[in-house]
Amino acid sequence: AAAKAAAAAYPTYRTLSAARRADFLDAIAAEIDALGDDFVALVCQETALPAGRIQGERGRTSGQMRLFAQVLRRGDFYGARIDRALP
């Protein structure tokens, strides 16, 4: 169901500007960070991993979302370069 929903949303998402995509990624990161102790407990139960590991993975994931948002805002992914050749 999630894959179908993502496929259905993609045509609209791909028309968004880089700034709007960055805002979207920041919103995802904020939601991930806002997941409380119940989330950590559930993931621990499902994976048998310790809470510290889950909290670290959550922080890493939201951090990556924010990093990708920064890349979108800077425009690095376009690969444009300005050659400032010396005269």
Protein backbone atom coordinates (compact mmCIF):
# COMPACT_ATOMS: atom_id res chain seq x y z
CA ALA A 1 0.00 0.00 0.00
CA ALA A 2 2.84 2.39 0.83
CA ALA A 3 4.58 1.73 -2.49
CA LYS A 4 1.34 2.31 -4.39
CA ALA A 5 0.72 5.56 -2.51
CA ALA A 6 4.27 6.73 -3.26
CA ALA A 7 3.86 5.90 -6.95
CA ALA A 8 0.59 7.82 -7.06
CA ALA A 9 2.16 10.84 -5.34
CA TYR A 10 5.28 10.95 -7.51
CA PRO A 11 3.83 12.82 -10.52
CA THR A 12 2.86 15.71 -8.24
CA TYR A 13 6.07 15.56 -6.17
CA ARG A 14 8.32 15.70 -9.22
CA THR A 15 6.79 19.05 -10.23
CA LEU A 16 7.75 20.68 -6.93
CA SER A 17 10.60 23.13 -6.83
CA ALA A 18 13.82 22.18 -5.08
CA ALA A 19 12.89 24.54 -2.23
CA ARG A 20 9.51 22.84 -1.74
CA ARG A 21 11.17 19.42 -1.80
CA ALA A 22 13.63 20.63 0.82
CA ASP A 23 10.75 21.85 2.98
CA PHE A 24 9.13 18.43 2.60
CA LEU A 25 12.31 16.65 3.71
CA ASP A 26 12.63 18.98 6.71
CA ALA A 27 9.02 18.21 7.65
CA ILE A 28 9.73 14.48 7.48
CA ALA A 29 12.78 14.94 9.69
CA ALA A 30 10.75 16.90 12.24
CA GLU A 31 8.09 14.18 12.32
CA ILE A 32 10.71 11.46 12.77
CA ASP A 33 12.31 13.41 15.63
CA ALA A 34 8.91 13.96 17.24
CA LEU A 35 8.22 10.24 17.50
CA GLY A 36 8.28 9.53 21.19
CA ASP A 37 9.22 6.74 23.53
CA ASP A 38 6.31 4.57 22.35
CA PHE A 39 7.90 4.46 18.90
CA VAL A 40 11.29 3.50 20.31
CA ALA A 41 9.70 0.79 22.47
CA LEU A 42 7.79 -0.62 19.50
CA VAL A 43 10.87 -0.74 17.28
CA CYS A 44 12.86 -2.37 20.09
CA GLN A 45 10.16 -5.00 20.40
CA GLU A 46 10.08 -5.65 16.66
CA THR A 47 13.85 -5.71 16.12
CA ALA A 48 15.28 -6.79 19.50
CA LEU A 49 17.72 -3.87 19.23
CA PRO A 50 18.49 -1.70 22.26
CA ALA A 51 16.78 1.66 22.71
CA GLY A 52 20.05 3.56 22.31
CA ARG A 53 20.57 2.04 18.89
CA ILE A 54 17.04 2.94 17.78
CA GLN A 55 17.42 6.50 19.04
CA GLY A 56 20.74 6.79 17.22
CA GLU A 57 19.26 5.45 13.99
CA ARG A 58 16.35 7.85 14.29
CA GLY A 59 18.75 10.77 14.71
CA ARG A 60 20.88 9.60 11.79
CA THR A 61 17.84 9.26 9.54
CA SER A 62 16.43 12.69 10.36
CA GLY A 63 19.92 14.15 9.99
CA GLN A 64 20.21 12.68 6.50
CA MET A 65 16.84 14.16 5.57
CA ARG A 66 18.07 17.57 6.67
CA LEU A 67 21.34 17.11 4.79
CA PHE A 68 19.47 16.26 1.58
CA ALA A 69 17.28 19.33 2.16
CA GLN A 70 20.42 21.49 2.36
CA VAL A 71 21.70 20.01 -0.90
CA LEU A 72 18.40 20.85 -2.57
CA ARG A 73 18.53 24.42 -1.29
CA ARG A 74 22.13 24.90 -2.45
CA GLY A 75 21.44 23.35 -5.84
CA ASP A 76 24.57 21.18 -5.78
CA PHE A 77 22.75 18.33 -7.47
CA TYR A 78 22.42 20.35 -10.68
CA GLY A 79 26.19 20.04 -11.18
CA ALA A 80 26.46 23.60 -12.50
CA ARG A 81 29.92 25.12 -12.32
CA ILE A 82 31.14 28.64 -12.94
CA ASP A 83 34.63 28.76 -14.41
CA ARG A 84 36.29 31.95 -13.27
CA ALA A 85 39.28 31.74 -15.57
CA LEU A 86 42.01 34.24 -14.90
CA PRO A 87 42.50 36.92 -17.53
